[in-house]
Amino acid sequence: MSAPTPEELAGNALLATLSDSDRERLMPHMLVFDLEPHAVLQKAGGEVVDTWFPCGPAMAAFCVRLKDGPAVEVALVGREGAIGGIVSNGNVPAFATAQVMYGGRFLRIKTAALEQAKLDSLTLRHWFSRYSDCLLAQVFQTAACNATHTIAQRTAKWLLAAISRTHSAEFAITHEQLAEMLGVGRSFVTRVISKLREAGTIETRRGVFIVRDEQVLRDTACDCTTTIEDHFDTVLQGIYPLN
C-alpha cells in the first residue's frame, strides 16, 4: 500500500471531478490497494470504518444475503462511485456486504477522515450526497428489475455493466457466481448462457466469459441500465461509465 498520486486519484471518476482544493483535503488520508476478486470491503453487521474508491476497471458489488438463501447483488460499483462510509457516514452497522468483483486498484480512506473533510468543505459534502442519491436510485432500479424482468434480460444487463466498467469484453466469473449475483438458480443462468453461446454472442471457458457481439446483448437487455445512466447524467454529469 502507498499514498496515491494525482494520476491514481483520477482513476476514479467521482474523485477526478473534484476541485483541486477538495482533492488536496483527501489525498493525505488515502492509501492505494491492489485487491483480488472476492476481497471483502465491508461485512454486513460490521462497523463501517473505511470508504473505498474503485479505479480504472476495478469493480465491487453490494450483496445482501437472504436467510437460507444466496447473497443477491443489489448494486454494482465501478470507477463512477464508492463503497462504505460515503453513504452511511460510518460508525453504524453495514446492512450489505461489499466485495471485489473485478480485481484492480482501490483507494481507501478512513471514514472518520472523510467525514472531517466533508465538514470542512460544503462542495465536497454536496458532491458525495449527490452520489448517495445515485447509488440509492441504482438500488431502487435493481429491485424493480429483479421483480419484473426475465433472467435473460438481467443476465445481458449484468454482462453489459461489466463491459462498461472494465473496458474489457473478457472477465472472470462462473455460472454459479453469476446466478448468485442475480438471485436465481444456476440451471436458469446456464440455459441463458447456452443460448447466447449457441448464437455466437459470447464464448465461455472455465470461469471466464468473452463477449463477441455486444449489440445482441443490448438488444436482449432490459432498459434499466439506461434509466440509471440518465439519472447519473442528471445528478452527476459525466460520471457513469459508458462504452
C-alpha atoms as a PDB file:
ATOM      1  CA  MET A   1       0.000   0.000   0.000  1.00  0.00           C
ATOM      2  CA  SER A   2       1.098   3.556  -0.676  1.00  0.00           C
ATOM      3  CA  ALA A   3      -0.253   7.101  -0.936  1.00  0.00           C
ATOM      4  CA  PRO A   4      -1.957   7.838  -4.279  1.00  0.00           C
ATOM      5  CA  THR A   5      -0.519  10.069  -6.953  1.00  0.00           C
ATOM      6  CA  PRO A   6      -2.788  12.654  -8.632  1.00  0.00           C
ATOM      7  CA  GLU A   7      -2.951  10.321 -11.643  1.00  0.00           C
ATOM      8  CA  GLU A   8      -4.113   7.418  -9.491  1.00  0.00           C
ATOM      9  CA  LEU A   9      -6.739   9.623  -7.866  1.00  0.00           C
ATOM     10  CA  ALA A  10      -8.035  10.475 -11.347  1.00  0.00           C
ATOM     11  CA  GLY A  11      -8.679   6.772 -11.952  1.00  0.00           C
ATOM     12  CA  ASN A  12     -11.932   7.202 -10.045  1.00  0.00           C
ATOM     13  CA  ALA A  13     -14.397   9.483 -11.866  1.00  0.00           C
ATOM     14  CA  LEU A  14     -16.058  10.614  -8.657  1.00  0.00           C
ATOM     15  CA  LEU A  15     -12.710  11.889  -7.344  1.00  0.00           C
ATOM     16  CA  ALA A  16     -11.393  13.121 -10.690  1.00  0.00           C
ATOM     17  CA  THR A  17     -14.126  15.754 -10.919  1.00  0.00           C
ATOM     18  CA  LEU A  18     -13.375  17.307  -7.514  1.00  0.00           C
ATOM     19  CA  SER A  19     -11.739  20.706  -7.275  1.00  0.00           C
ATOM     20  CA  ASP A  20      -8.005  20.811  -6.573  1.00  0.00           C
ATOM     21  CA  SER A  21      -8.652  22.018  -3.030  1.00  0.00           C
ATOM     22  CA  ASP A  22     -11.061  19.174  -2.262  1.00  0.00           C
ATOM     23  CA  ARG A  23      -8.700  16.560  -3.696  1.00  0.00           C
ATOM     24  CA  GLU A  24      -5.926  18.018  -1.530  1.00  0.00           C
ATOM     25  CA  ARG A  25      -8.149  17.567   1.524  1.00  0.00           C
ATOM     26  CA  LEU A  26      -8.479  13.857   0.801  1.00  0.00           C
ATOM     27  CA  MET A  27      -5.097  12.817  -0.606  1.00  0.00           C
ATOM     28  CA  PRO A  28      -3.083  12.843   2.653  1.00  0.00           C
ATOM     29  CA  HIS A  29      -5.567  10.368   4.144  1.00  0.00           C
ATOM     30  CA  MET A  30      -5.755   7.941   1.219  1.00  0.00           C
ATOM     31  CA  LEU A  31      -3.895   4.721   0.514  1.00  0.00           C
ATOM     32  CA  VAL A  32      -3.671   2.628  -2.652  1.00  0.00           C
ATOM     33  CA  PHE A  33      -4.502  -1.095  -2.594  1.00  0.00           C
ATOM     34  CA  ASP A  34      -4.360  -3.695  -5.336  1.00  0.00           C
ATOM     35  CA  LEU A  35      -7.167  -6.109  -4.474  1.00  0.00           C
ATOM     36  CA  GLU A  36      -8.069  -9.538  -5.809  1.00  0.00           C
ATOM     37  CA  PRO A  37     -11.589 -10.735  -6.686  1.00  0.00           C
ATOM     38  CA  HIS A  38     -13.703 -11.743  -3.663  1.00  0.00           C
ATOM     39  CA  ALA A  39     -11.787  -9.480  -1.260  1.00  0.00           C
ATOM     40  CA  VAL A  40     -14.319  -8.189   1.288  1.00  0.00           C
ATOM     41  CA  LEU A  41     -14.538  -4.406   1.668  1.00  0.00           C
ATOM     42  CA  GLN A  42     -17.225  -4.430   4.337  1.00  0.00           C
ATOM     43  CA  LYS A  43     -19.287  -7.124   6.071  1.00  0.00           C
ATOM     44  CA  ALA A  44     -22.976  -6.939   6.823  1.00  0.00           C
ATOM     45  CA  GLY A  45     -23.370  -6.129  10.508  1.00  0.00           C
ATOM     46  CA  GLY A  46     -19.829  -4.789  10.820  1.00  0.00           C
ATOM     47  CA  GLU A  47     -18.981  -1.194  11.582  1.00  0.00           C
ATOM     48  CA  VAL A  48     -18.317   0.952   8.525  1.00  0.00           C
ATOM     49  CA  VAL A  49     -14.843   2.376   9.141  1.00  0.00           C
ATOM     50  CA  ASP A  50     -13.482   2.595   5.563  1.00  0.00           C
ATOM     51  CA  THR A  51     -14.539   4.124   2.277  1.00  0.00           C
ATOM     52  CA  TRP A  52     -13.242   2.555  -0.943  1.00  0.00           C
ATOM     53  CA  PHE A  53     -12.986   4.082  -4.420  1.00  0.00           C
ATOM     54  CA  PRO A  54     -12.560   1.626  -7.329  1.00  0.00           C
ATOM     55  CA  CYS A  55     -10.205   2.881 -10.040  1.00  0.00           C
ATOM     56  CA  GLY A  56      -9.991   2.039 -13.730  1.00  0.00           C
ATOM     57  CA  PRO A  57     -11.534  -1.361 -14.476  1.00  0.00           C
ATOM     58  CA  ALA A  58     -11.849  -2.431 -10.819  1.00  0.00           C
ATOM     59  CA  MET A  59     -15.364  -3.005  -9.554  1.00  0.00           C
ATOM     60  CA  ALA A  60     -17.172  -4.250  -6.467  1.00  0.00           C
ATOM     61  CA  ALA A  61     -20.714  -5.274  -5.600  1.00  0.00           C
ATOM     62  CA  PHE A  62     -23.032  -4.726  -2.673  1.00  0.00           C
ATOM     63  CA  CYS A  63     -24.700  -8.029  -1.815  1.00  0.00           C
ATOM     64  CA  VAL A  64     -27.482  -8.906   0.615  1.00  0.00           C
ATOM     65  CA  ARG A  65     -27.561 -12.484   1.882  1.00  0.00           C
ATOM     66  CA  LEU A  66     -31.036 -13.863   2.321  1.00  0.00           C
ATOM     67  CA  LYS A  67     -31.823 -16.220   5.192  1.00  0.00           C
ATOM     68  CA  ASP A  68     -31.187 -19.765   3.953  1.00  0.00           C
ATOM     69  CA  GLY A  69     -30.503 -18.326   0.518  1.00  0.00           C
ATOM     70  CA  PRO A  70     -27.856 -16.791  -1.750  1.00  0.00           C
ATOM     71  CA  ALA A  71     -26.164 -13.417  -1.475  1.00  0.00           C
ATOM     72  CA  VAL A  72     -28.024 -11.334  -4.059  1.00  0.00           C
ATOM     73  CA  GLU A  73     -26.339  -8.383  -5.738  1.00  0.00           C
ATOM     74  CA  VAL A  74     -28.150  -5.078  -5.233  1.00  0.00           C
ATOM     75  CA  ALA A  75     -25.625  -2.666  -6.757  1.00  0.00           C
ATOM     76  CA  LEU A  76     -22.501  -2.889  -8.888  1.00  0.00           C
ATOM     77  CA  VAL A  77     -19.946  -0.135  -8.329  1.00  0.00           C
ATOM     78  CA  GLY A  78     -17.044   0.762 -10.572  1.00  0.00           C
ATOM     79  CA  ARG A  79     -14.929   3.844 -11.160  1.00  0.00           C
ATOM     80  CA  GLU A  80     -18.070   6.013 -11.046  1.00  0.00           C
ATOM     81  CA  GLY A  81     -18.558   5.510  -7.319  1.00  0.00           C
ATOM     82  CA  ALA A  82     -17.541   4.435  -3.862  1.00  0.00           C
ATOM     83  CA  ILE A  83     -18.231   1.800  -1.234  1.00  0.00           C
ATOM     84  CA  GLY A  84     -18.511   2.338   2.504  1.00  0.00           C
ATOM     85  CA  GLY A  85     -18.915   5.388   4.672  1.00  0.00           C
ATOM     86  CA  ILE A  86     -19.725   7.726   1.817  1.00  0.00           C
ATOM     87  CA  VAL A  87     -23.331   6.586   2.195  1.00  0.00           C
ATOM     88  CA  SER A  88     -23.669   5.537   5.830  1.00  0.00           C
ATOM     89  CA  ASN A  89     -21.351   8.160   7.336  1.00  0.00           C
ATOM     90  CA  GLY A  90     -19.676   5.391   9.302  1.00  0.00           C
ATOM     91  CA  ASN A  91     -19.968   4.228  12.890  1.00  0.00           C
ATOM     92  CA  VAL A  92     -23.115   2.257  12.114  1.00  0.00           C
ATOM     93  CA  PRO A  93     -23.542  -1.396  11.131  1.00  0.00           C
ATOM     94  CA  ALA A  94     -23.319  -2.107   7.418  1.00  0.00           C
ATOM     95  CA  PHE A  95     -26.525  -3.578   6.019  1.00  0.00           C
ATOM     96  CA  ALA A  96     -24.897  -5.172   2.966  1.00  0.00           C
ATOM     97  CA  THR A  97     -21.632  -6.964   2.381  1.00  0.00           C
ATOM     98  CA  ALA A  98     -19.408  -5.435  -0.301  1.00  0.00           C
ATOM     99  CA  GLN A  99     -16.797  -7.491  -2.116  1.00  0.00           C
ATOM    100  CA  VAL A 100     -14.496  -7.080  -5.085  1.00  0.00           C
ATOM    101  CA  MET A 101     -15.917  -8.481  -8.315  1.00  0.00           C
ATOM    102  CA  TYR A 102     -13.130  -7.453 -10.709  1.00  0.00           C
ATOM    103  CA  GLY A 103      -9.714  -7.054  -9.172  1.00  0.00           C
ATOM    104  CA  GLY A 104      -7.598  -3.983  -9.519  1.00  0.00           C
ATOM    105  CA  ARG A 105      -6.712  -0.722  -7.847  1.00  0.00           C
ATOM    106  CA  PHE A 106      -8.782   0.680  -4.996  1.00  0.00           C
ATOM    107  CA  LEU A 107      -8.213   3.832  -2.968  1.00  0.00           C
ATOM    108  CA  ARG A 108      -9.107   3.709   0.715  1.00  0.00           C
ATOM    109  CA  ILE A 109      -9.792   6.494   3.160  1.00  0.00           C
ATOM    110  CA  LYS A 110     -10.862   6.103   6.754  1.00  0.00           C
ATOM    111  CA  THR A 111     -14.473   7.176   7.043  1.00  0.00           C
ATOM    112  CA  ALA A 112     -13.663   9.434  10.004  1.00  0.00           C
ATOM    113  CA  ALA A 113     -11.185  11.353   7.821  1.00  0.00           C
ATOM    114  CA  LEU A 114     -13.725  11.587   5.014  1.00  0.00           C
ATOM    115  CA  GLU A 115     -16.355  12.917   7.399  1.00  0.00           C
ATOM    116  CA  GLN A 116     -13.973  15.615   8.638  1.00  0.00           C
ATOM    117  CA  ALA A 117     -13.190  16.628   5.052  1.00  0.00           C
ATOM    118  CA  LYS A 118     -16.914  16.878   4.310  1.00  0.00           C
ATOM    119  CA  LEU A 119     -17.397  19.088   7.356  1.00  0.00           C
ATOM    120  CA  ASP A 120     -14.588  21.333   6.100  1.00  0.00           C
ATOM    121  CA  SER A 121     -15.968  21.601   2.556  1.00  0.00           C
ATOM    122  CA  LEU A 122     -19.600  22.202   1.664  1.00  0.00           C
ATOM    123  CA  THR A 123     -18.966  21.395  -2.010  1.00  0.00           C
ATOM    124  CA  LEU A 124     -17.418  18.048  -1.063  1.00  0.00           C
ATOM    125  CA  ARG A 125     -20.375  17.251   1.170  1.00  0.00           C
ATOM    126  CA  HIS A 126     -22.864  18.119  -1.572  1.00  0.00           C
ATOM    127  CA  TRP A 127     -20.942  16.128  -4.217  1.00  0.00           C
ATOM    128  CA  PHE A 128     -20.930  12.933  -2.182  1.00  0.00           C
ATOM    129  CA  SER A 129     -24.585  13.456  -1.208  1.00  0.00           C
ATOM    130  CA  ARG A 130     -25.401  13.520  -4.912  1.00  0.00           C
ATOM    131  CA  TYR A 131     -23.578  10.244  -5.377  1.00  0.00           C
ATOM    132  CA  SER A 132     -25.524   8.741  -2.461  1.00  0.00           C
ATOM    133  CA  ASP A 133     -28.714   9.684  -4.294  1.00  0.00           C
ATOM    134  CA  CYS A 134     -27.456   7.986  -7.475  1.00  0.00           C
ATOM    135  CA  LEU A 135     -26.482   4.822  -5.626  1.00  0.00           C
ATOM    136  CA  LEU A 136     -29.892   4.675  -3.953  1.00  0.00           C
ATOM    137  CA  ALA A 137     -31.540   5.098  -7.354  1.00  0.00           C
ATOM    138  CA  GLN A 138     -29.478   2.162  -8.613  1.00  0.00           C
ATOM    139  CA  VAL A 139     -30.669   0.003  -5.712  1.00  0.00           C
ATOM    140  CA  PHE A 140     -34.307   1.013  -6.373  1.00  0.00           C
ATOM    141  CA  GLN A 141     -33.960   0.186 -10.059  1.00  0.00           C
ATOM    142  CA  THR A 142     -32.365  -3.184  -9.258  1.00  0.00           C
ATOM    143  CA  ALA A 143     -35.308  -4.083  -7.024  1.00  0.00           C
ATOM    144  CA  ALA A 144     -37.763  -3.206  -9.796  1.00  0.00           C
ATOM    145  CA  CYS A 145     -35.673  -5.065 -12.378  1.00  0.00           C
ATOM    146  CA  ASN A 146     -35.457  -8.234 -10.288  1.00  0.00           C
ATOM    147  CA  ALA A 147     -39.234  -8.206  -9.822  1.00  0.00           C
ATOM    148  CA  THR A 148     -40.259  -7.683 -13.437  1.00  0.00           C
ATOM    149  CA  HIS A 149     -37.589  -8.625 -15.972  1.00  0.00           C
ATOM    150  CA  THR A 150     -36.576 -12.022 -17.283  1.00  0.00           C
ATOM    151  CA  ILE A 151     -33.385 -13.819 -16.361  1.00  0.00           C
ATOM    152  CA  ALA A 152     -32.185 -13.392 -19.953  1.00  0.00           C
ATOM    153  CA  GLN A 153     -32.695  -9.615 -19.764  1.00  0.00           C
ATOM    154  CA  ARG A 154     -30.962  -9.366 -16.398  1.00  0.00           C
ATOM    155  CA  THR A 155     -28.055 -11.560 -17.500  1.00  0.00           C
ATOM    156  CA  ALA A 156     -27.467  -9.398 -20.579  1.00  0.00           C
ATOM    157  CA  LYS A 157     -27.717  -6.254 -18.431  1.00  0.00           C
ATOM    158  CA  TRP A 158     -25.114  -7.594 -15.983  1.00  0.00           C
ATOM    159  CA  LEU A 159     -22.679  -8.530 -18.763  1.00  0.00           C
ATOM    160  CA  LEU A 160     -23.029  -5.070 -20.327  1.00  0.00           C
ATOM    161  CA  ALA A 161     -22.445  -3.420 -16.950  1.00  0.00           C
ATOM    162  CA  ALA A 162     -19.256  -5.445 -16.524  1.00  0.00           C
ATOM    163  CA  ILE A 163     -18.031  -4.449 -20.003  1.00  0.00           C
ATOM    164  CA  SER A 164     -18.650  -0.743 -19.444  1.00  0.00           C
ATOM    165  CA  ARG A 165     -16.788  -0.712 -16.129  1.00  0.00           C
ATOM    166  CA  THR A 166     -13.840  -2.955 -17.006  1.00  0.00           C
ATOM    167  CA  HIS A 167     -13.376  -1.759 -20.612  1.00  0.00           C
ATOM    168  CA  SER A 168     -12.899  -5.412 -21.450  1.00  0.00           C
ATOM    169  CA  ALA A 169     -15.048  -7.968 -23.235  1.00  0.00           C
ATOM    170  CA  GLU A 170     -13.415 -10.730 -21.188  1.00  0.00           C
ATOM    171  CA  PHE A 171     -13.843 -11.171 -17.443  1.00  0.00           C
ATOM    172  CA  ALA A 172     -13.747 -13.930 -14.874  1.00  0.00           C
ATOM    173  CA  ILE A 173     -16.994 -15.155 -13.336  1.00  0.00           C
ATOM    174  CA  THR A 174     -18.521 -18.618 -13.035  1.00  0.00           C
ATOM    175  CA  HIS A 175     -22.109 -19.614 -13.854  1.00  0.00           C
ATOM    176  CA  GLU A 176     -22.657 -20.205 -10.167  1.00  0.00           C
ATOM    177  CA  GLN A 177     -21.371 -16.763  -9.181  1.00  0.00           C
ATOM    178  CA  LEU A 178     -23.467 -15.036 -11.843  1.00  0.00           C
ATOM    179  CA  ALA A 179     -26.552 -16.959 -10.729  1.00  0.00           C
ATOM    180  CA  GLU A 180     -25.928 -15.912  -7.138  1.00  0.00           C
ATOM    181  CA  MET A 181     -25.489 -12.282  -8.170  1.00  0.00           C
ATOM    182  CA  LEU A 182     -28.839 -12.428  -9.973  1.00  0.00           C
ATOM    183  CA  GLY A 183     -30.550 -14.344  -7.171  1.00  0.00           C
ATOM    184  CA  VAL A 184     -31.635 -17.261  -9.350  1.00  0.00           C
ATOM    185  CA  GLY A 185     -30.816 -20.941  -9.698  1.00  0.00           C
ATOM    186  CA  ARG A 186     -27.694 -21.895 -11.605  1.00  0.00           C
ATOM    187  CA  SER A 187     -29.678 -24.020 -14.083  1.00  0.00           C
ATOM    188  CA  PHE A 188     -31.632 -20.945 -15.252  1.00  0.00           C
ATOM    189  CA  VAL A 189     -28.449 -18.954 -15.892  1.00  0.00           C
ATOM    190  CA  THR A 190     -26.825 -21.928 -17.612  1.00  0.00           C
ATOM    191  CA  ARG A 191     -29.728 -22.144 -20.068  1.00  0.00           C
ATOM    192  CA  VAL A 192     -29.467 -18.422 -20.862  1.00  0.00           C
ATOM    193  CA  ILE A 193     -25.702 -18.621 -21.298  1.00  0.00           C
ATOM    194  CA  SER A 194     -26.039 -21.688 -23.521  1.00  0.00           C
ATOM    195  CA  LYS A 195     -28.409 -19.832 -25.866  1.00  0.00           C
ATOM    196  CA  LEU A 196     -26.065 -16.826 -26.010  1.00  0.00           C
ATOM    197  CA  ARG A 197     -23.129 -19.118 -26.712  1.00  0.00           C
ATOM    198  CA  GLU A 198     -25.001 -21.031 -29.454  1.00  0.00           C
ATOM    199  CA  ALA A 199     -25.855 -17.712 -31.110  1.00  0.00           C
ATOM    200  CA  GLY A 200     -22.197 -16.671 -31.082  1.00  0.00           C
ATOM    201  CA  THR A 201     -22.905 -13.766 -28.740  1.00  0.00           C
ATOM    202  CA  ILE A 202     -20.470 -14.978 -26.093  1.00  0.00           C
ATOM    203  CA  GLU A 203     -17.802 -17.588 -25.575  1.00  0.00           C
ATOM    204  CA  THR A 204     -17.078 -19.248 -22.270  1.00  0.00           C
ATOM    205  CA  ARG A 205     -14.263 -21.248 -20.842  1.00  0.00           C
ATOM    206  CA  ARG A 206     -13.806 -22.368 -17.279  1.00  0.00           C
ATOM    207  CA  GLY A 207     -14.652 -19.359 -15.112  1.00  0.00           C
ATOM    208  CA  VAL A 208     -14.313 -16.835 -17.978  1.00  0.00           C
ATOM    209  CA  PHE A 209     -16.858 -15.049 -20.187  1.00  0.00           C
ATOM    210  CA  ILE A 210     -15.881 -13.467 -23.515  1.00  0.00           C
ATOM    211  CA  VAL A 211     -18.423 -11.207 -25.221  1.00  0.00           C
ATOM    212  CA  ARG A 212     -18.299 -11.440 -29.023  1.00  0.00           C
ATOM    213  CA  ASP A 213     -21.425  -9.495 -30.008  1.00  0.00           C
ATOM    214  CA  GLU A 214     -22.235  -6.632 -27.681  1.00  0.00           C
ATOM    215  CA  GLN A 215     -25.142  -5.437 -29.828  1.00  0.00           C
ATOM    216  CA  VAL A 216     -27.044  -8.686 -29.301  1.00  0.00           C
ATOM    217  CA  LEU A 217     -26.665  -8.205 -25.550  1.00  0.00           C
ATOM    218  CA  ARG A 218     -28.029  -4.666 -25.894  1.00  0.00           C
ATOM    219  CA  ASP A 219     -30.995  -5.986 -27.863  1.00  0.00           C
ATOM    220  CA  THR A 220     -31.616  -8.608 -25.159  1.00  0.00           C
ATOM    221  CA  ALA A 221     -31.100  -6.487 -22.044  1.00  0.00           C
ATOM    222  CA  CYS A 222     -33.814  -4.510 -20.298  1.00  0.00           C
ATOM    223  CA  ASP A 223     -33.614  -0.707 -20.239  1.00  0.00           C
ATOM    224  CA  CYS A 224     -32.732  -0.457 -16.538  1.00  0.00           C
ATOM    225  CA  THR A 225     -29.111   0.497 -17.198  1.00  0.00           C
ATOM    226  CA  THR A 226     -30.218   3.324 -19.497  1.00  0.00           C
ATOM    227  CA  THR A 227     -32.545   4.580 -16.766  1.00  0.00           C
ATOM    228  CA  ILE A 228     -29.663   4.695 -14.283  1.00  0.00           C
ATOM    229  CA  GLU A 229     -27.343   6.309 -16.841  1.00  0.00           C
ATOM    230  CA  ASP A 230     -29.921   9.059 -17.358  1.00  0.00           C
ATOM    231  CA  HIS A 231     -30.255   9.670 -13.616  1.00  0.00           C
ATOM    232  CA  PHE A 232     -26.477   9.803 -13.152  1.00  0.00           C
ATOM    233  CA  ASP A 233     -26.226  12.210 -16.083  1.00  0.00           C
ATOM    234  CA  THR A 234     -28.790  14.498 -14.463  1.00  0.00           C
ATOM    235  CA  VAL A 235     -27.302  14.412 -10.964  1.00  0.00           C
ATOM    236  CA  LEU A 236     -23.587  13.791 -11.667  1.00  0.00           C
ATOM    237  CA  GLN A 237     -22.999  14.535 -15.328  1.00  0.00           C
ATOM    238  CA  GLY A 238     -20.140  12.618 -16.929  1.00  0.00           C
ATOM    239  CA  ILE A 239     -19.589  10.195 -14.036  1.00  0.00           C
ATOM    240  CA  TYR A 240     -21.352   6.992 -15.109  1.00  0.00           C
ATOM    241  CA  PRO A 241     -19.129   4.688 -17.220  1.00  0.00           C
ATOM    242  CA  LEU A 242     -20.260   4.395 -20.836  1.00  0.00           C
ATOM    243  CA  ASN A 243     -18.906   2.196 -23.597  1.00  0.00           C
END
